[in-house]
């Protein structure tokens, strides 16, 4: 069994949180390497994206429908 993958999906440092969330929804990784000018500068995790989305929500982001 291989423990690494050569086909790594990376994101650019200037990617928006919404773009990252959409990518994670499609590809289901737990994290993405973050690159800038082709160089690795960090790693963004699913939990960090969810935390950022939660912290930056507004009242209009939360549905308020009566059941």
PDB file of N, CA and C in Angstrom:
ATOM      1  N   UNK A   1       0.825  -1.195   0.000  1.00  0.00           N
ATOM      2  CA  UNK A   1       0.000   0.000   0.000  1.00  0.00           C
ATOM      3  C   UNK A   1       0.865   1.253   0.000  1.00  0.00           C
ATOM      4  N   UNK A   2       0.426   2.217  -0.793  1.00  0.00           N
ATOM      5  CA  UNK A   2       1.122   3.495  -0.804  1.00  0.00           C
ATOM      6  C   UNK A   2       0.597   4.380   0.313  1.00  0.00           C
ATOM      7  N   UNK A   3       1.478   5.150   0.890  1.00  0.00           N
ATOM      8  CA  UNK A   3       1.072   6.052   1.966  1.00  0.00           C
ATOM      9  C   UNK A   3       1.093   7.511   1.527  1.00  0.00           C
ATOM     10  N   UNK A   4       1.426   7.744   0.255  1.00  0.00           N
ATOM     11  CA  UNK A   4       1.412   9.115  -0.234  1.00  0.00           C
ATOM     12  C   UNK A   4       0.726   9.160  -1.583  1.00  0.00           C
ATOM     13  N   UNK A   5       0.355  10.342  -1.968  1.00  0.00           N
ATOM     14  CA  UNK A   5      -0.291  10.542  -3.253  1.00  0.00           C
ATOM     15  C   UNK A   5       0.517  11.534  -4.071  1.00  0.00           C
ATOM     16  N   UNK A   6       0.739  11.214  -5.327  1.00  0.00           N
ATOM     17  CA  UNK A   6       1.469  12.131  -6.202  1.00  0.00           C
ATOM     18  C   UNK A   6       0.541  13.191  -6.792  1.00  0.00           C
ATOM     19  N   UNK A   7      -0.731  12.869  -6.930  1.00  0.00           N
ATOM     20  CA  UNK A   7      -1.708  13.798  -7.492  1.00  0.00           C
ATOM     21  C   UNK A   7      -2.386  14.571  -6.369  1.00  0.00           C
ATOM     22  N   UNK A   8      -1.715  15.595  -5.891  1.00  0.00           N
ATOM     23  CA  UNK A   8      -2.210  16.377  -4.762  1.00  0.00           C
ATOM     24  C   UNK A   8      -2.960  17.599  -5.287  1.00  0.00           C
ATOM     25  N   UNK A   9      -4.150  17.817  -4.757  1.00  0.00           N
ATOM     26  CA  UNK A   9      -4.910  19.012  -5.095  1.00  0.00           C
ATOM     27  C   UNK A   9      -4.496  20.117  -4.140  1.00  0.00           C
ATOM     28  N   UNK A  10      -3.931  21.173  -4.676  1.00  0.00           N
ATOM     29  CA  UNK A  10      -3.493  22.301  -3.851  1.00  0.00           C
ATOM     30  C   UNK A  10      -4.364  23.510  -4.155  1.00  0.00           C
ATOM     31  N   UNK A  11      -4.338  24.481  -3.270  1.00  0.00           N
ATOM     32  CA  UNK A  11      -5.064  25.733  -3.475  1.00  0.00           C
ATOM     33  C   UNK A  11      -4.082  26.892  -3.391  1.00  0.00           C
ATOM     34  N   UNK A  12      -4.412  27.955  -4.085  1.00  0.00           N
ATOM     35  CA  UNK A  12      -3.582  29.158  -4.045  1.00  0.00           C
ATOM     36  C   UNK A  12      -3.871  29.945  -2.774  1.00  0.00           C
ATOM     37  N   UNK A  13      -2.901  30.678  -2.319  1.00  0.00           N
ATOM     38  CA  UNK A  13      -3.016  31.445  -1.077  1.00  0.00           C
ATOM     39  C   UNK A  13      -4.135  32.480  -1.130  1.00  0.00           C
ATOM     40  N   UNK A  14      -4.473  32.964  -2.317  1.00  0.00           N
ATOM     41  CA  UNK A  14      -5.512  33.985  -2.423  1.00  0.00           C
ATOM     42  C   UNK A  14      -6.911  33.413  -2.658  1.00  0.00           C
ATOM     43  N   UNK A  15      -7.076  32.102  -2.502  1.00  0.00           N
ATOM     44  CA  UNK A  15      -8.400  31.478  -2.651  1.00  0.00           C
ATOM     45  C   UNK A  15      -9.327  31.948  -1.541  1.00  0.00           C
ATOM     46  N   UNK A  16     -10.599  32.133  -1.890  1.00  0.00           N
ATOM     47  CA  UNK A  16     -11.570  32.554  -0.873  1.00  0.00           C
ATOM     48  C   UNK A  16     -12.033  31.354  -0.050  1.00  0.00           C
ATOM     49  N   UNK A  17     -12.548  31.636   1.124  1.00  0.00           N
ATOM     50  CA  UNK A  17     -13.082  30.576   1.988  1.00  0.00           C
ATOM     51  C   UNK A  17     -14.222  29.847   1.284  1.00  0.00           C
ATOM     52  N   UNK A  18     -15.066  30.578   0.575  1.00  0.00           N
ATOM     53  CA  UNK A  18     -16.187  29.965  -0.146  1.00  0.00           C
ATOM     54  C   UNK A  18     -15.663  29.011  -1.207  1.00  0.00           C
ATOM     55  N   UNK A  19     -14.652  29.419  -1.974  1.00  0.00           N
ATOM     56  CA  UNK A  19     -14.057  28.538  -2.985  1.00  0.00           C
ATOM     57  C   UNK A  19     -13.476  27.282  -2.345  1.00  0.00           C
ATOM     58  N   UNK A  20     -12.785  27.446  -1.219  1.00  0.00           N
ATOM     59  CA  UNK A  20     -12.211  26.292  -0.521  1.00  0.00           C
ATOM     60  C   UNK A  20     -13.302  25.344  -0.046  1.00  0.00           C
ATOM     61  N   UNK A  21     -14.368  25.888   0.518  1.00  0.00           N
ATOM     62  CA  UNK A  21     -15.470  25.058   1.009  1.00  0.00           C
ATOM     63  C   UNK A  21     -16.105  24.283  -0.142  1.00  0.00           C
ATOM     64  N   UNK A  22     -16.279  24.931  -1.293  1.00  0.00           N
ATOM     65  CA  UNK A  22     -16.853  24.249  -2.451  1.00  0.00           C
ATOM     66  C   UNK A  22     -15.934  23.145  -2.951  1.00  0.00           C
ATOM     67  N   UNK A  23     -14.630  23.404  -2.993  1.00  0.00           N
ATOM     68  CA  UNK A  23     -13.677  22.370  -3.407  1.00  0.00           C
ATOM     69  C   UNK A  23     -13.709  21.185  -2.453  1.00  0.00           C
ATOM     70  N   UNK A  24     -13.736  21.470  -1.165  1.00  0.00           N
ATOM     71  CA  UNK A  24     -13.755  20.392  -0.179  1.00  0.00           C
ATOM     72  C   UNK A  24     -15.038  19.582  -0.277  1.00  0.00           C
ATOM     73  N   UNK A  25     -16.137  20.245  -0.604  1.00  0.00           N
ATOM     74  CA  UNK A  25     -17.402  19.537  -0.773  1.00  0.00           C
ATOM     75  C   UNK A  25     -17.367  18.574  -1.942  1.00  0.00           C
ATOM     76  N   UNK A  26     -16.659  18.948  -3.000  1.00  0.00           N
ATOM     77  CA  UNK A  26     -16.573  18.109  -4.199  1.00  0.00           C
ATOM     78  C   UNK A  26     -15.569  16.974  -4.035  1.00  0.00           C
ATOM     79  N   UNK A  27     -14.429  17.267  -3.432  1.00  0.00           N
ATOM     80  CA  UNK A  27     -13.312  16.318  -3.413  1.00  0.00           C
ATOM     81  C   UNK A  27     -13.145  15.550  -2.107  1.00  0.00           C
ATOM     82  N   UNK A  28     -13.751  16.008  -1.044  1.00  0.00           N
ATOM     83  CA  UNK A  28     -13.757  15.345   0.264  1.00  0.00           C
ATOM     84  C   UNK A  28     -12.395  15.154   0.945  1.00  0.00           C
ATOM     85  N   UNK A  29     -11.399  16.021   0.699  1.00  0.00           N
ATOM     86  CA  UNK A  29     -10.147  15.868   1.441  1.00  0.00           C
ATOM     87  C   UNK A  29     -10.288  16.441   2.848  1.00  0.00           C
ATOM     88  N   UNK A  30      -9.415  16.048   3.735  1.00  0.00           N
ATOM     89  CA  UNK A  30      -9.425  16.616   5.086  1.00  0.00           C
ATOM     90  C   UNK A  30      -8.579  17.874   5.153  1.00  0.00           C
ATOM     91  N   UNK A  31      -7.699  18.058   4.160  1.00  0.00           N
ATOM     92  CA  UNK A  31      -6.861  19.259   4.129  1.00  0.00           C
ATOM     93  C   UNK A  31      -6.354  19.493   2.709  1.00  0.00           C
ATOM     94  N   UNK A  32      -5.904  20.709   2.487  1.00  0.00           N
ATOM     95  CA  UNK A  32      -5.285  21.090   1.217  1.00  0.00           C
ATOM     96  C   UNK A  32      -3.958  21.782   1.496  1.00  0.00           C
ATOM     97  N   UNK A  33      -2.930  21.475   0.706  1.00  0.00           N
ATOM     98  CA  UNK A  33      -1.720  22.276   0.764  1.00  0.00           C
ATOM     99  C   UNK A  33      -2.033  23.648   0.157  1.00  0.00           C
ATOM    100  N   UNK A  34      -1.441  24.686   0.704  1.00  0.00           N
ATOM    101  CA  UNK A  34      -1.630  26.043   0.189  1.00  0.00           C
ATOM    102  C   UNK A  34      -0.324  26.472  -0.472  1.00  0.00           C
ATOM    103  N   UNK A  35      -0.430  26.956  -1.710  1.00  0.00           N
ATOM    104  CA  UNK A  35       0.764  27.358  -2.444  1.00  0.00           C
ATOM    105  C   UNK A  35       0.691  28.830  -2.845  1.00  0.00           C
ATOM    106  N   UNK A  36       1.866  29.387  -3.051  1.00  0.00           N
ATOM    107  CA  UNK A  36       1.985  30.751  -3.560  1.00  0.00           C
ATOM    108  C   UNK A  36       3.178  30.762  -4.504  1.00  0.00           C
ATOM    109  N   UNK A  37       2.927  31.143  -5.740  1.00  0.00           N
ATOM    110  CA  UNK A  37       3.978  31.124  -6.769  1.00  0.00           C
ATOM    111  C   UNK A  37       4.618  29.742  -6.887  1.00  0.00           C
ATOM    112  N   UNK A  38       3.796  28.696  -6.762  1.00  0.00           N
ATOM    113  CA  UNK A  38       4.279  27.334  -6.909  1.00  0.00           C
ATOM    114  C   UNK A  38       5.004  26.759  -5.707  1.00  0.00           C
ATOM    115  N   UNK A  39       5.105  27.519  -4.627  1.00  0.00           N
ATOM    116  CA  UNK A  39       5.806  27.045  -3.422  1.00  0.00           C
ATOM    117  C   UNK A  39       4.808  26.774  -2.306  1.00  0.00           C
ATOM    118  N   UNK A  40       5.039  25.704  -1.589  1.00  0.00           N
ATOM    119  CA  UNK A  40       4.197  25.353  -0.446  1.00  0.00           C
ATOM    120  C   UNK A  40       4.397  26.371   0.674  1.00  0.00           C
ATOM    121  N   UNK A  41       3.280  26.961   1.142  1.00  0.00           N
ATOM    122  CA  UNK A  41       3.397  27.936   2.237  1.00  0.00           C
ATOM    123  C   UNK A  41       2.567  27.544   3.452  1.00  0.00           C
ATOM    124  N   UNK A  42       1.767  26.484   3.326  1.00  0.00           N
ATOM    125  CA  UNK A  42       0.966  26.087   4.475  1.00  0.00           C
ATOM    126  C   UNK A  42      -0.019  24.990   4.135  1.00  0.00           C
ATOM    127  N   UNK A  43      -0.924  24.769   5.060  1.00  0.00           N
ATOM    128  CA  UNK A  43      -1.935  23.729   4.941  1.00  0.00           C
ATOM    129  C   UNK A  43      -3.227  24.270   5.533  1.00  0.00           C
ATOM    130  N   UNK A  44      -4.327  24.085   4.825  1.00  0.00           N
ATOM    131  CA  UNK A  44      -5.623  24.496   5.358  1.00  0.00           C
ATOM    132  C   UNK A  44      -6.459  23.233   5.565  1.00  0.00           C
ATOM    133  N   UNK A  45      -7.091  23.142   6.731  1.00  0.00           N
ATOM    134  CA  UNK A  45      -7.865  21.955   7.078  1.00  0.00           C
ATOM    135  C   UNK A  45      -9.358  22.221   6.962  1.00  0.00           C
ATOM    136  N   UNK A  46     -10.104  21.144   6.843  1.00  0.00           N
ATOM    137  CA  UNK A  46     -11.564  21.233   6.790  1.00  0.00           C
ATOM    138  C   UNK A  46     -12.094  21.935   8.040  1.00  0.00           C
ATOM    139  N   UNK A  47     -11.555  21.606   9.200  1.00  0.00           N
ATOM    140  CA  UNK A  47     -12.049  22.222  10.437  1.00  0.00           C
ATOM    141  C   UNK A  47     -11.754  23.720  10.469  1.00  0.00           C
ATOM    142  N   UNK A  48     -10.621  24.157   9.927  1.00  0.00           N
ATOM    143  CA  UNK A  48     -10.306  25.589   9.881  1.00  0.00           C
ATOM    144  C   UNK A  48     -11.275  26.327   8.963  1.00  0.00           C
ATOM    145  N   UNK A  49     -11.636  25.709   7.854  1.00  0.00           N
ATOM    146  CA  UNK A  49     -12.596  26.325   6.932  1.00  0.00           C
ATOM    147  C   UNK A  49     -13.968  26.418   7.581  1.00  0.00           C
ATOM    148  N   UNK A  50     -14.411  25.334   8.213  1.00  0.00           N
ATOM    149  CA  UNK A  50     -15.714  25.353   8.884  1.00  0.00           C
ATOM    150  C   UNK A  50     -15.745  26.388  10.003  1.00  0.00           C
ATOM    151  N   UNK A  51     -14.664  26.484  10.753  1.00  0.00           N
ATOM    152  CA  UNK A  51     -14.587  27.467  11.837  1.00  0.00           C
ATOM    153  C   UNK A  51     -14.667  28.893  11.287  1.00  0.00           C
ATOM    154  N   UNK A  52     -13.970  29.146  10.188  1.00  0.00           N
ATOM    155  CA  UNK A  52     -13.999  30.479   9.584  1.00  0.00           C
ATOM    156  C   UNK A  52     -15.389  30.816   9.063  1.00  0.00           C
ATOM    157  N   UNK A  53     -16.037  29.855   8.413  1.00  0.00           N
ATOM    158  CA  UNK A  53     -17.397  30.091   7.919  1.00  0.00           C
ATOM    159  C   UNK A  53     -18.345  30.369   9.080  1.00  0.00           C
ATOM    160  N   UNK A  54     -18.202  29.620  10.167  1.00  0.00           N
ATOM    161  CA  UNK A  54     -19.067  29.808  11.335  1.00  0.00           C
ATOM    162  C   UNK A  54     -18.851  31.181  11.969  1.00  0.00           C
ATOM    163  N   UNK A  55     -17.598  31.572  12.146  1.00  0.00           N
ATOM    164  CA  UNK A  55     -17.277  32.851  12.787  1.00  0.00           C
ATOM    165  C   UNK A  55     -17.703  34.048  11.945  1.00  0.00           C
ATOM    166  N   UNK A  56     -17.746  33.882  10.631  1.00  0.00           N
ATOM    167  CA  UNK A  56     -18.064  34.996   9.739  1.00  0.00           C
ATOM    168  C   UNK A  56     -19.497  34.974   9.224  1.00  0.00           C
ATOM    169  N   UNK A  57     -20.343  34.163   9.813  1.00  0.00           N
ATOM    170  CA  UNK A  57     -21.740  34.105   9.374  1.00  0.00           C
ATOM    171  C   UNK A  57     -22.466  35.371   9.823  1.00  0.00           C
ATOM    172  N   UNK A  58     -23.574  35.627   9.183  1.00  0.00           N
ATOM    173  CA  UNK A  58     -24.427  36.747   9.588  1.00  0.00           C
ATOM    174  C   UNK A  58     -25.817  36.199   9.852  1.00  0.00           C
ATOM    175  N   UNK A  59     -26.680  37.018  10.396  1.00  0.00           N
ATOM    176  CA  UNK A  59     -28.030  36.535  10.696  1.00  0.00           C
ATOM    177  C   UNK A  59     -28.765  36.123   9.434  1.00  0.00           C
ATOM    178  N   UNK A  60     -28.457  36.725   8.307  1.00  0.00           N
ATOM    179  CA  UNK A  60     -29.140  36.335   7.078  1.00  0.00           C
ATOM    180  C   UNK A  60     -28.611  35.004   6.541  1.00  0.00           C
ATOM    181  N   UNK A  61     -27.489  34.502   7.064  1.00  0.00           N
ATOM    182  CA  UNK A  61     -26.974  33.197   6.666  1.00  0.00           C
ATOM    183  C   UNK A  61     -27.726  32.060   7.350  1.00  0.00           C
ATOM    184  N   UNK A  62     -28.397  32.360   8.438  1.00  0.00           N
ATOM    185  CA  UNK A  62     -29.055  31.330   9.231  1.00  0.00           C
ATOM    186  C   UNK A  62     -30.535  31.301   8.886  1.00  0.00           C
ATOM    187  N   UNK A  63     -31.043  30.173   8.382  1.00  0.00           N
ATOM    188  CA  UNK A  63     -32.467  30.109   8.049  1.00  0.00           C
ATOM    189  C   UNK A  63     -33.326  30.290   9.299  1.00  0.00           C
ATOM    190  N   UNK A  64     -34.441  30.948   9.126  1.00  0.00           N
ATOM    191  CA  UNK A  64     -35.329  31.218  10.250  1.00  0.00           C
ATOM    192  C   UNK A  64     -36.763  30.834   9.897  1.00  0.00           C
ATOM    193  N   UNK A  65     -36.917  29.692   9.247  1.00  0.00           N
ATOM    194  CA  UNK A  65     -38.243  29.229   8.849  1.00  0.00           C
ATOM    195  C   UNK A  65     -38.902  28.482   9.991  1.00  0.00           C
ATOM    196  N   UNK A  66     -40.190  28.730  10.162  1.00  0.00           N
ATOM    197  CA  UNK A  66     -40.942  27.981  11.170  1.00  0.00           C
ATOM    198  C   UNK A  66     -41.346  26.645  10.574  1.00  0.00           C
ATOM    199  N   UNK A  67     -41.272  25.620  11.377  1.00  0.00           N
ATOM    200  CA  UNK A  67     -41.649  24.280  10.910  1.00  0.00           C
ATOM    201  C   UNK A  67     -43.098  24.010  11.160  1.00  0.00           C
TER     202      UNK A  67
END
